Every structure is written in structure tokens, then in C-alpha cells.
N, C-alpha and C. Protein backbone atom coordinates (compact mmCIF):
# COMPACT_ATOMS: atom_id res chain seq x y z
N MET A 1 -30.38 7.19 4.53
CA MET A 1 -29.38 8.24 4.41
C MET A 1 -28.17 8.14 5.17
N SER A 2 -28.35 7.40 6.46
CA SER A 2 -27.11 7.29 7.21
C SER A 2 -26.55 5.97 6.83
N GLU A 3 -27.14 4.86 5.86
CA GLU A 3 -26.25 3.96 5.33
C GLU A 3 -25.20 4.24 4.15
N ARG A 4 -25.80 5.32 3.37
CA ARG A 4 -25.25 5.87 2.34
C ARG A 4 -24.04 6.65 3.04
N MET A 5 -24.04 7.32 4.04
CA MET A 5 -22.74 7.95 4.52
C MET A 5 -21.99 7.11 5.01
N ILE A 6 -22.20 5.96 5.49
CA ILE A 6 -21.27 4.96 6.32
C ILE A 6 -20.52 4.20 5.23
N ASN A 7 -21.32 3.81 4.12
CA ASN A 7 -20.95 3.38 2.80
C ASN A 7 -19.76 4.23 2.16
N SER A 8 -20.30 5.38 2.20
CA SER A 8 -19.21 6.32 1.69
C SER A 8 -17.94 6.45 2.45
N ALA A 9 -18.08 6.55 3.79
CA ALA A 9 -17.03 6.71 4.40
C ALA A 9 -16.13 5.57 4.47
N TRP A 10 -16.80 4.28 4.35
CA TRP A 10 -16.03 2.82 4.35
C TRP A 10 -15.28 3.07 3.09
N ARG A 11 -15.87 3.27 1.83
CA ARG A 11 -14.84 3.69 0.74
C ARG A 11 -13.88 4.30 0.82
N LEU A 12 -13.84 5.70 1.40
CA LEU A 12 -13.07 6.72 1.65
C LEU A 12 -11.72 6.12 2.48
N VAL A 13 -12.14 5.31 3.84
CA VAL A 13 -11.28 4.77 4.42
C VAL A 13 -10.51 3.60 3.68
N LEU A 14 -10.87 3.05 2.78
CA LEU A 14 -10.44 1.84 2.13
C LEU A 14 -9.45 2.16 0.99
N ILE A 15 -9.97 3.50 0.05
CA ILE A 15 -9.13 4.34 -0.55
C ILE A 15 -7.82 4.98 -0.08
N GLY A 16 -8.19 5.46 1.09
CA GLY A 16 -7.07 6.19 1.94
C GLY A 16 -6.06 5.19 2.45
N VAL A 17 -6.38 4.03 2.94
CA VAL A 17 -5.37 2.93 3.42
C VAL A 17 -4.68 2.48 2.03
N MET A 18 -5.11 2.20 0.83
CA MET A 18 -4.58 1.85 -0.34
C MET A 18 -3.66 2.80 -0.78
N PHE A 19 -3.82 4.07 -0.61
CA PHE A 19 -3.09 5.22 -1.14
C PHE A 19 -1.72 5.38 -0.14
N VAL A 20 -2.01 5.28 1.16
CA VAL A 20 -0.99 5.47 2.18
C VAL A 20 -0.10 4.30 1.99
N LEU A 21 -0.55 3.04 2.06
CA LEU A 21 0.25 1.69 1.80
C LEU A 21 1.07 1.72 0.50
N GLY A 22 0.39 2.36 -0.79
CA GLY A 22 1.25 2.70 -1.87
C GLY A 22 2.20 3.47 -1.85
N CYS A 23 2.15 4.58 -1.23
CA CYS A 23 3.19 5.63 -1.20
C CYS A 23 4.31 5.39 -0.32
N ALA A 24 3.69 4.35 0.99
CA ALA A 24 4.77 4.06 1.74
C ALA A 24 5.61 2.89 1.05
N GLY A 25 5.21 2.19 0.48
CA GLY A 25 5.86 1.02 -0.51
C GLY A 25 6.69 1.47 -1.59
N MET A 26 6.36 2.62 -2.31
CA MET A 26 7.19 3.24 -2.96
C MET A 26 8.31 3.93 -2.44
N PHE A 27 8.08 4.65 -1.40
CA PHE A 27 9.27 5.06 -0.41
C PHE A 27 10.19 3.92 0.12
N GLN A 28 9.63 2.88 0.31
CA GLN A 28 10.50 1.71 0.86
C GLN A 28 11.36 1.36 -0.30
N LEU A 29 10.83 0.88 -1.43
CA LEU A 29 11.39 0.56 -2.52
C LEU A 29 12.61 1.64 -2.87
N TYR A 30 12.17 2.76 -2.99
CA TYR A 30 13.09 3.83 -3.40
C TYR A 30 14.35 3.88 -2.53
N GLN A 31 14.11 3.95 -1.03
CA GLN A 31 15.00 3.90 -0.49
C GLN A 31 16.17 2.53 -0.26
N GLY A 32 15.31 1.29 -0.54
CA GLY A 32 16.25 0.30 -0.37
C GLY A 32 16.96 0.39 -1.88
N LEU A 33 16.65 0.71 -2.89
CA LEU A 33 17.42 0.64 -4.17
C LEU A 33 18.71 1.66 -4.16
N LEU A 34 18.31 2.82 -3.08
CA LEU A 34 19.26 3.94 -3.31
C LEU A 34 20.49 3.31 -2.40
N ASN A 35 20.14 2.52 -1.12
CA ASN A 35 20.98 1.80 -0.54
C ASN A 35 22.13 0.69 -1.50
N VAL A 36 21.10 0.03 -2.16
CA VAL A 36 21.67 -1.23 -2.95
C VAL A 36 22.62 -0.31 -3.96
N LEU A 37 22.34 0.75 -4.53
CA LEU A 37 23.23 1.63 -5.31
C LEU A 37 24.40 2.22 -4.70
N ALA A 38 24.25 2.19 -3.70
CA ALA A 38 25.36 3.09 -2.97
C ALA A 38 26.31 1.99 -2.50
N GLY A 39 26.04 0.64 -2.48
CA GLY A 39 26.89 -0.41 -2.27
C GLY A 39 26.46 -0.96 -0.67
N HIS A 40 25.37 -0.60 -0.12
CA HIS A 40 25.04 -1.13 1.16
C HIS A 40 23.76 -2.19 0.62
N TRP A 41 24.34 -3.17 0.01
CA TRP A 41 23.11 -4.04 -0.27
C TRP A 41 22.55 -4.56 0.79
N GLN A 42 23.26 -5.05 2.02
CA GLN A 42 22.71 -5.61 3.17
C GLN A 42 21.76 -4.71 3.90
N MET A 43 21.84 -3.40 4.01
CA MET A 43 20.93 -2.29 4.31
C MET A 43 19.53 -2.15 3.46
N GLY A 44 19.86 -2.53 2.10
CA GLY A 44 18.90 -2.41 1.00
C GLY A 44 17.69 -3.54 0.95
N VAL A 45 18.17 -4.61 1.53
CA VAL A 45 17.19 -5.90 1.45
C VAL A 45 15.81 -5.73 2.10
N ILE A 46 16.00 -5.08 3.42
CA ILE A 46 14.90 -4.98 4.27
C ILE A 46 13.91 -4.01 3.61
N PRO A 47 14.32 -2.66 3.40
CA PRO A 47 13.20 -1.77 2.38
C PRO A 47 12.72 -2.30 1.49
N ILE A 48 13.36 -3.10 0.40
CA ILE A 48 12.87 -3.54 -0.65
C ILE A 48 12.10 -4.63 -0.40
N THR A 49 12.18 -5.59 0.62
CA THR A 49 11.05 -6.59 1.14
C THR A 49 9.80 -5.89 1.42
N GLY A 50 10.30 -5.07 2.24
CA GLY A 50 9.03 -4.22 2.74
C GLY A 50 8.20 -3.38 1.81
N GLY A 51 8.62 -2.92 0.77
CA GLY A 51 7.95 -2.25 -0.20
C GLY A 51 7.26 -3.32 -1.06
N VAL A 52 7.95 -4.42 -1.29
CA VAL A 52 7.13 -5.44 -2.18
C VAL A 52 6.03 -6.09 -1.56
N VAL A 53 6.13 -6.14 -0.14
CA VAL A 53 4.99 -6.75 0.57
C VAL A 53 3.85 -5.71 0.61
N MET A 54 4.30 -4.24 0.94
CA MET A 54 3.17 -3.53 0.77
C MET A 54 2.49 -3.29 -0.68
N GLY A 55 3.34 -3.56 -1.73
CA GLY A 55 2.84 -3.74 -2.83
C GLY A 55 1.81 -4.65 -3.23
N PHE A 56 2.00 -5.70 -2.67
CA PHE A 56 1.08 -7.08 -2.65
C PHE A 56 -0.29 -6.71 -2.13
N ALA A 57 0.06 -6.03 -0.95
CA ALA A 57 -1.06 -5.61 -0.11
C ALA A 57 -2.15 -4.69 -1.04
N VAL A 58 -1.50 -3.82 -1.27
CA VAL A 58 -2.33 -2.76 -1.98
C VAL A 58 -2.88 -3.36 -3.48
N TYR A 59 -2.25 -4.30 -3.79
CA TYR A 59 -2.70 -5.15 -5.18
C TYR A 59 -4.04 -6.09 -4.64
N TRP A 60 -3.74 -6.84 -3.47
CA TRP A 60 -4.89 -7.45 -2.83
C TRP A 60 -6.23 -6.69 -2.60
N LEU A 61 -5.86 -5.22 -1.77
CA LEU A 61 -6.85 -4.60 -1.41
C LEU A 61 -7.68 -4.04 -2.89
N ALA A 62 -6.90 -3.62 -3.81
CA ALA A 62 -7.44 -3.32 -5.01
C ALA A 62 -8.45 -4.22 -5.84
N SER A 63 -7.72 -5.54 -5.76
CA SER A 63 -8.51 -6.69 -6.37
C SER A 63 -9.82 -6.91 -5.78
N HIS A 64 -9.75 -6.91 -4.56
CA HIS A 64 -11.15 -7.31 -3.65
C HIS A 64 -11.84 -6.11 -3.06
N ARG A 65 -11.65 -4.94 -3.87
CA ARG A 65 -12.20 -3.77 -3.19
C ARG A 65 -13.91 -4.04 -3.42
N GLY A 66 -14.32 -4.77 -4.62
CA GLY A 66 -15.60 -4.78 -4.54
C GLY A 66 -16.33 -5.72 -3.71
N GLU A 67 -15.40 -6.74 -3.06
CA GLU A 67 -15.92 -7.71 -2.11
C GLU A 67 -16.03 -7.05 -0.72
N LEU A 68 -15.07 -5.90 -0.53
CA LEU A 68 -14.99 -5.40 1.00
C LEU A 68 -15.79 -4.40 0.86
N VAL A 69 -16.40 -3.70 -0.19
CA VAL A 69 -17.42 -2.80 -0.19
C VAL A 69 -18.63 -2.92 -0.86
N ASP A 70 -19.85 -2.94 -0.44
CA ASP A 70 -21.12 -3.27 -0.99
C ASP A 70 -21.56 -2.36 -2.11
N VAL A 71 -21.72 -2.97 -3.20
CA VAL A 71 -21.67 -1.75 -4.58
C VAL A 71 -23.13 -2.05 -4.54
């Protein structure tokens, strides 16, 4: 019983981390795109880079989710 609860909690934490990283990455990309469109391309490079890195992190977590959680 407790093992099932721990497994469910770990799944919830993992999905929560992917959700938060995904939302933060999309926000960063949007912020960087607005900076680039406003003509401040130097200020837009860092948020775009951060958003892309967060996107790759979410992709990696999603692709290895089965290995991180015992199915």
C-alpha cells in the first residue's frame, strides 16, 4: 500500500516538474521573441536560449519517464 502511494507521489512530482519547466520555457521563449520583435535582439537571446534549454529538459524527462518511474 505504501509503495503504491510513494510510486504515485513520484509520478506526480515528475509530471509537475515537466509541467513547470514546460510553462517556464514557453514564457521565456515568448519573452525573448517579444524582445527580438521590439528591436532589442541582444536582450532576447538569453531568454530564447533559456527557453530552448528548458524545452530540451522537458523532452528528455518525457522520453525517459518510463525509466525514471517503475512501471
